[in-house]
Amino acid sequence: MSARTCALSWAAACFMAPAAAAAQSSGTSGAQQPPPTAQQKEEQAKRYVQDEIFLTDQFRLNLGARVDKFSVIDNAVFSPRTALIYKPLPDHAIRLSYNKAFRAPSLINNFLDVAIINQLDLGRRNPALAGRLYNFPIDAVGNEGLTEEAIQAFELAYTGILDQRTTLSAAVYWSKNKDLSWSS
């Protein structure tokens, strides 16, 4: 048997970070934010292709690749994926797969710039200071130097239908993350 399926897709979009929206959340100073600059706009383009190859009646090979380009990172990123599927019986499948993927930093991760005003009720600390509030600002800023987060993953999985009424699935996987972006 030598059947093949193939799917292609393409997407492109442009998003703009509403920097002022972050200042509208509760407890912020409400200060006017300047309009987004050209660097605070995100343009992205994506390409994806996938192919499923029926090697024999029992073996299939899935191959896929995706290329993404975001204006907030320097280079395009290639994300491959592959899976070998073994079907010893029509209702049972064992899959071994590998993939590499990534997540680009968000516009907030890169360009957030907001002053948050916090208040401390001094009367709660000392009754003699009842009714007095102490205001202190905290600056929340993004990091324009962030790069994409990356993950590589391997998975071994089983899916089977038992007695034509119960589906059983089990999987074990290993993944390795790189360049995680943490929010605080």
C-alpha atoms as a PDB file:
ATOM      1  CA  MET A   1       0.000   0.000   0.000  1.00  0.00           C
ATOM      2  CA  SER A   2       1.379   3.378  -0.951  1.00  0.00           C
ATOM      3  CA  ALA A   3      -1.145   6.097  -0.124  1.00  0.00           C
ATOM      4  CA  ARG A   4      -0.039   9.614   0.850  1.00  0.00           C
ATOM      5  CA  THR A   5      -1.767  12.589   2.369  1.00  0.00           C
ATOM      6  CA  CYS A   6      -0.376  16.079   2.471  1.00  0.00           C
ATOM      7  CA  ALA A   7      -1.555  19.319   4.068  1.00  0.00           C
ATOM      8  CA  LEU A   8      -0.149  22.794   3.494  1.00  0.00           C
ATOM      9  CA  SER A   9      -1.103  25.996   5.260  1.00  0.00           C
ATOM     10  CA  TRP A  10       0.117  29.558   5.471  1.00  0.00           C
ATOM     11  CA  ALA A  11      -0.738  32.366   7.871  1.00  0.00           C
ATOM     12  CA  ALA A  12       0.448  35.915   8.380  1.00  0.00           C
ATOM     13  CA  ALA A  13      -0.764  38.510  10.826  1.00  0.00           C
ATOM     14  CA  CYS A  14       0.155  41.815  12.392  1.00  0.00           C
ATOM     15  CA  PHE A  15      -0.512  42.657  16.026  1.00  0.00           C
ATOM     16  CA  MET A  16       0.108  45.815  18.009  1.00  0.00           C
ATOM     17  CA  ALA A  17       0.738  45.973  21.743  1.00  0.00           C
ATOM     18  CA  PRO A  18      -1.716  48.318  23.460  1.00  0.00           C
ATOM     19  CA  ALA A  19       0.772  49.597  26.030  1.00  0.00           C
ATOM     20  CA  ALA A  20      -1.892  51.769  27.656  1.00  0.00           C
ATOM     21  CA  ALA A  21      -4.110  48.736  28.333  1.00  0.00           C
ATOM     22  CA  ALA A  22      -1.634  47.447  30.902  1.00  0.00           C
ATOM     23  CA  ALA A  23      -1.964  50.713  32.846  1.00  0.00           C
ATOM     24  CA  GLN A  24      -5.737  50.367  33.096  1.00  0.00           C
ATOM     25  CA  SER A  25      -5.661  47.385  35.440  1.00  0.00           C
ATOM     26  CA  SER A  26      -6.575  47.918  39.080  1.00  0.00           C
ATOM     27  CA  GLY A  27      -3.963  49.594  41.230  1.00  0.00           C
ATOM     28  CA  THR A  28      -2.021  51.286  38.456  1.00  0.00           C
ATOM     29  CA  SER A  29      -1.155  54.907  38.131  1.00  0.00           C
ATOM     30  CA  GLY A  30      -3.349  55.373  35.066  1.00  0.00           C
ATOM     31  CA  ALA A  31      -0.616  57.481  33.466  1.00  0.00           C
ATOM     32  CA  GLN A  32      -0.952  57.893  29.728  1.00  0.00           C
ATOM     33  CA  GLN A  33       1.339  55.625  27.765  1.00  0.00           C
ATOM     34  CA  PRO A  34       2.846  56.836  24.491  1.00  0.00           C
ATOM     35  CA  PRO A  35       1.532  55.166  21.329  1.00  0.00           C
ATOM     36  CA  PRO A  36       3.376  51.967  20.334  1.00  0.00           C
ATOM     37  CA  THR A  37       6.539  52.490  18.321  1.00  0.00           C
ATOM     38  CA  ALA A  38       7.473  50.516  15.222  1.00  0.00           C
ATOM     39  CA  GLN A  39       9.524  48.230  17.482  1.00  0.00           C
ATOM     40  CA  GLN A  40       6.420  47.484  19.569  1.00  0.00           C
ATOM     41  CA  LYS A  41       4.485  46.066  16.625  1.00  0.00           C
ATOM     42  CA  GLU A  42       4.698  42.372  15.958  1.00  0.00           C
ATOM     43  CA  GLU A  43       4.594  40.935  12.481  1.00  0.00           C
ATOM     44  CA  GLN A  44       4.626  37.207  11.967  1.00  0.00           C
ATOM     45  CA  ALA A  45       4.677  34.753   9.085  1.00  0.00           C
ATOM     46  CA  LYS A  46       4.296  30.990   9.319  1.00  0.00           C
ATOM     47  CA  ARG A  47       4.626  28.060   6.947  1.00  0.00           C
ATOM     48  CA  TYR A  48       3.661  24.458   7.742  1.00  0.00           C
ATOM     49  CA  VAL A  49       3.766  21.212   5.789  1.00  0.00           C
ATOM     50  CA  GLN A  50       2.886  17.683   6.905  1.00  0.00           C
ATOM     51  CA  ASP A  51       2.916  14.340   5.124  1.00  0.00           C
ATOM     52  CA  GLU A  52       1.660  10.915   6.216  1.00  0.00           C
ATOM     53  CA  ILE A  53       3.263   7.984   4.439  1.00  0.00           C
ATOM     54  CA  PHE A  54       1.742   4.497   4.671  1.00  0.00           C
ATOM     55  CA  LEU A  55       4.854   2.303   4.602  1.00  0.00           C
ATOM     56  CA  THR A  56       2.945  -0.997   5.007  1.00  0.00           C
ATOM     57  CA  ASP A  57      -0.442  -2.036   6.374  1.00  0.00           C
ATOM     58  CA  GLN A  58       1.043  -1.847   9.882  1.00  0.00           C
ATOM     59  CA  PHE A  59       3.521   1.053   9.683  1.00  0.00           C
ATOM     60  CA  ARG A  60       2.949   4.750   8.994  1.00  0.00           C
ATOM     61  CA  LEU A  61       5.389   7.628   9.041  1.00  0.00           C
ATOM     62  CA  ASN A  62       4.251  11.185   9.763  1.00  0.00           C
ATOM     63  CA  LEU A  63       6.650  13.974   8.816  1.00  0.00           C
ATOM     64  CA  GLY A  64       6.036  17.646   9.424  1.00  0.00           C
ATOM     65  CA  ALA A  65       7.882  20.930   9.468  1.00  0.00           C
ATOM     66  CA  ARG A  66       7.015  24.473  10.414  1.00  0.00           C
ATOM     67  CA  VAL A  67       8.935  27.713   9.889  1.00  0.00           C
ATOM     68  CA  ASP A  68       7.977  30.826  11.869  1.00  0.00           C
ATOM     69  CA  LYS A  69       9.300  34.368  11.614  1.00  0.00           C
ATOM     70  CA  PHE A  70       8.418  36.998  14.192  1.00  0.00           C
ATOM     71  CA  SER A  71       9.583  40.578  14.030  1.00  0.00           C
ATOM     72  CA  VAL A  72      10.533  40.463  17.744  1.00  0.00           C
ATOM     73  CA  ILE A  73      13.202  37.773  17.167  1.00  0.00           C
ATOM     74  CA  ASP A  74      16.139  37.964  14.790  1.00  0.00           C
ATOM     75  CA  ASN A  75      15.926  34.741  12.786  1.00  0.00           C
ATOM     76  CA  ALA A  76      13.246  32.421  11.472  1.00  0.00           C
ATOM     77  CA  VAL A  77      12.779  29.270  13.546  1.00  0.00           C
ATOM     78  CA  PHE A  78      12.440  25.745  12.112  1.00  0.00           C
ATOM     79  CA  SER A  79      10.297  23.228  14.029  1.00  0.00           C
ATOM     80  CA  PRO A  80      10.450  19.627  12.751  1.00  0.00           C
ATOM     81  CA  ARG A  81       8.226  16.768  13.852  1.00  0.00           C
ATOM     82  CA  THR A  82       8.120  13.089  13.023  1.00  0.00           C
ATOM     83  CA  ALA A  83       6.212  10.039  14.236  1.00  0.00           C
ATOM     84  CA  LEU A  84       6.485   6.345  13.469  1.00  0.00           C
ATOM     85  CA  ILE A  85       3.190   4.558  14.083  1.00  0.00           C
ATOM     86  CA  TYR A  86       2.927   0.783  14.402  1.00  0.00           C
ATOM     87  CA  LYS A  87      -0.530  -0.829  14.263  1.00  0.00           C
ATOM     88  CA  PRO A  88      -0.170  -4.510  15.241  1.00  0.00           C
ATOM     89  CA  LEU A  89      -3.999  -4.794  15.137  1.00  0.00           C
ATOM     90  CA  PRO A  90      -6.586  -2.466  13.582  1.00  0.00           C
ATOM     91  CA  ASP A  91      -7.712  -1.110  16.986  1.00  0.00           C
ATOM     92  CA  HIS A  92      -4.232  -0.751  18.550  1.00  0.00           C
ATOM     93  CA  ALA A  93      -1.405   1.671  17.785  1.00  0.00           C
ATOM     94  CA  ILE A  94       2.051   2.326  19.209  1.00  0.00           C
ATOM     95  CA  ARG A  95       3.611   5.686  18.333  1.00  0.00           C
ATOM     96  CA  LEU A  96       7.167   6.908  18.724  1.00  0.00           C
ATOM     97  CA  SER A  97       7.467  10.626  18.012  1.00  0.00           C
ATOM     98  CA  TYR A  98       9.903  13.534  18.127  1.00  0.00           C
ATOM     99  CA  ASN A  99       9.230  17.244  17.782  1.00  0.00           C
ATOM    100  CA  LYS A 100      10.895  20.564  18.318  1.00  0.00           C
ATOM    101  CA  ALA A 101       8.821  23.680  18.955  1.00  0.00           C
ATOM    102  CA  PHE A 102       9.181  27.197  20.262  1.00  0.00           C
ATOM    103  CA  ARG A 103       7.311  30.186  21.679  1.00  0.00           C
ATOM    104  CA  ALA A 104       8.306  33.738  20.787  1.00  0.00           C
ATOM    105  CA  PRO A 105       8.230  36.323  23.588  1.00  0.00           C
ATOM    106  CA  SER A 106       4.988  38.290  23.738  1.00  0.00           C
ATOM    107  CA  LEU A 107       4.865  42.036  23.213  1.00  0.00           C
ATOM    108  CA  ILE A 108       4.263  42.421  26.961  1.00  0.00           C
ATOM    109  CA  ASN A 109       7.359  40.290  27.692  1.00  0.00           C
ATOM    110  CA  ASN A 110       9.386  42.643  25.487  1.00  0.00           C
ATOM    111  CA  PHE A 111       7.857  46.115  25.826  1.00  0.00           C
ATOM    112  CA  LEU A 112       5.870  46.440  29.069  1.00  0.00           C
ATOM    113  CA  ASP A 113       6.602  49.799  30.722  1.00  0.00           C
ATOM    114  CA  VAL A 114       4.130  50.628  33.504  1.00  0.00           C
ATOM    115  CA  ALA A 115       4.389  52.257  36.933  1.00  0.00           C
ATOM    116  CA  ILE A 116       2.148  50.616  39.523  1.00  0.00           C
ATOM    117  CA  ILE A 117       1.235  52.595  42.644  1.00  0.00           C
ATOM    118  CA  ASN A 118       0.866  50.512  45.799  1.00  0.00           C
ATOM    119  CA  GLN A 119      -0.515  51.836  49.067  1.00  0.00           C
ATOM    120  CA  LEU A 120       0.340  50.818  52.589  1.00  0.00           C
ATOM    121  CA  ASP A 121      -2.127  51.718  55.364  1.00  0.00           C
ATOM    122  CA  LEU A 122       0.230  52.910  58.094  1.00  0.00           C
ATOM    123  CA  GLY A 123      -2.579  52.699  60.675  1.00  0.00           C
ATOM    124  CA  ARG A 124      -2.514  48.908  60.399  1.00  0.00           C
ATOM    125  CA  ARG A 125       1.087  48.977  61.572  1.00  0.00           C
ATOM    126  CA  ASN A 126       0.727  51.712  64.191  1.00  0.00           C
ATOM    127  CA  PRO A 127      -2.653  52.964  65.490  1.00  0.00           C
ATOM    128  CA  ALA A 128      -1.164  56.444  66.020  1.00  0.00           C
ATOM    129  CA  LEU A 129      -0.846  56.713  62.220  1.00  0.00           C
ATOM    130  CA  ALA A 130      -4.487  55.795  61.502  1.00  0.00           C
ATOM    131  CA  GLY A 131      -5.793  57.306  58.280  1.00  0.00           C
ATOM    132  CA  ARG A 132      -2.346  57.846  56.796  1.00  0.00           C
ATOM    133  CA  LEU A 133      -1.394  56.079  53.601  1.00  0.00           C
ATOM    134  CA  TYR A 134       2.069  55.613  52.209  1.00  0.00           C
ATOM    135  CA  ASN A 135       2.227  55.452  48.390  1.00  0.00           C
ATOM    136  CA  PHE A 136       5.145  53.728  46.720  1.00  0.00           C
ATOM    137  CA  PRO A 137       5.592  53.030  43.012  1.00  0.00           C
ATOM    138  CA  ILE A 138       6.856  49.856  41.399  1.00  0.00           C
ATOM    139  CA  ASP A 139       8.055  49.919  37.792  1.00  0.00           C
ATOM    140  CA  ALA A 140       7.174  46.898  35.652  1.00  0.00           C
ATOM    141  CA  VAL A 141       9.319  46.742  32.518  1.00  0.00           C
ATOM    142  CA  GLY A 142       9.767  44.195  29.746  1.00  0.00           C
ATOM    143  CA  ASN A 143      13.007  42.833  28.371  1.00  0.00           C
ATOM    144  CA  GLU A 144      13.646  43.571  24.686  1.00  0.00           C
ATOM    145  CA  GLY A 145      16.568  41.120  24.686  1.00  0.00           C
ATOM    146  CA  LEU A 146      14.447  37.977  25.187  1.00  0.00           C
ATOM    147  CA  THR A 147      14.752  35.196  22.618  1.00  0.00           C
ATOM    148  CA  GLU A 148      12.334  32.416  21.782  1.00  0.00           C
ATOM    149  CA  GLU A 149      11.719  29.560  24.212  1.00  0.00           C
ATOM    150  CA  ALA A 150      12.487  26.163  22.693  1.00  0.00           C
ATOM    151  CA  ILE A 151      11.438  22.611  23.539  1.00  0.00           C
ATOM    152  CA  GLN A 152      12.512  19.242  22.171  1.00  0.00           C
ATOM    153  CA  ALA A 153      10.319  16.277  23.043  1.00  0.00           C
ATOM    154  CA  PHE A 154      10.240  12.510  22.531  1.00  0.00           C
ATOM    155  CA  GLU A 155       7.119  10.443  23.194  1.00  0.00           C
ATOM    156  CA  LEU A 156       6.265   6.761  23.258  1.00  0.00           C
ATOM    157  CA  ALA A 157       2.510   6.173  23.321  1.00  0.00           C
ATOM    158  CA  TYR A 158      -0.056   3.399  23.077  1.00  0.00           C
ATOM    159  CA  THR A 159      -3.725   3.732  22.141  1.00  0.00           C
ATOM    160  CA  GLY A 160      -6.100   0.786  21.914  1.00  0.00           C
ATOM    161  CA  ILE A 161      -9.794   0.019  21.857  1.00  0.00           C
ATOM    162  CA  LEU A 162     -10.733  -2.814  24.202  1.00  0.00           C
ATOM    163  CA  ASP A 163     -13.926  -4.848  23.667  1.00  0.00           C
ATOM    164  CA  GLN A 164     -15.068  -2.249  21.101  1.00  0.00           C
ATOM    165  CA  ARG A 165     -16.191   0.099  23.918  1.00  0.00           C
ATOM    166  CA  THR A 166     -13.226   1.236  26.007  1.00  0.00           C
ATOM    167  CA  THR A 167     -10.325   3.334  24.761  1.00  0.00           C
ATOM    168  CA  LEU A 168      -7.061   2.911  26.631  1.00  0.00           C
ATOM    169  CA  SER A 169      -4.218   5.402  26.166  1.00  0.00           C
ATOM    170  CA  ALA A 170      -0.843   5.601  27.847  1.00  0.00           C
ATOM    171  CA  ALA A 171       2.195   7.720  27.075  1.00  0.00           C
ATOM    172  CA  VAL A 172       5.630   8.426  28.408  1.00  0.00           C
ATOM    173  CA  TYR A 173       7.641  11.386  27.222  1.00  0.00           C
ATOM    174  CA  TRP A 174      10.871  13.261  27.746  1.00  0.00           C
ATOM    175  CA  SER A 175      11.292  16.944  27.020  1.00  0.00           C
ATOM    176  CA  LYS A 176      14.092  19.476  27.233  1.00  0.00           C
ATOM    177  CA  ASN A 177      13.370  23.214  27.531  1.00  0.00           C
ATOM    178  CA  LYS A 178      15.741  26.021  26.583  1.00  0.00           C
ATOM    179  CA  ASP A 179      15.685  29.801  27.183  1.00  0.00           C
ATOM    180  CA  LEU A 180      12.525  29.927  29.310  1.00  0.00           C
ATOM    181  CA  SER A 181      11.051  33.391  29.890  1.00  0.00           C
ATOM    182  CA  TRP A 182       9.842  33.853  33.449  1.00  0.00           C
ATOM    183  CA  SER A 183       7.324  36.467  34.502  1.00  0.00           C
ATOM    184  CA  SER A 184       7.424  37.939  37.983  1.00  0.00           C
END
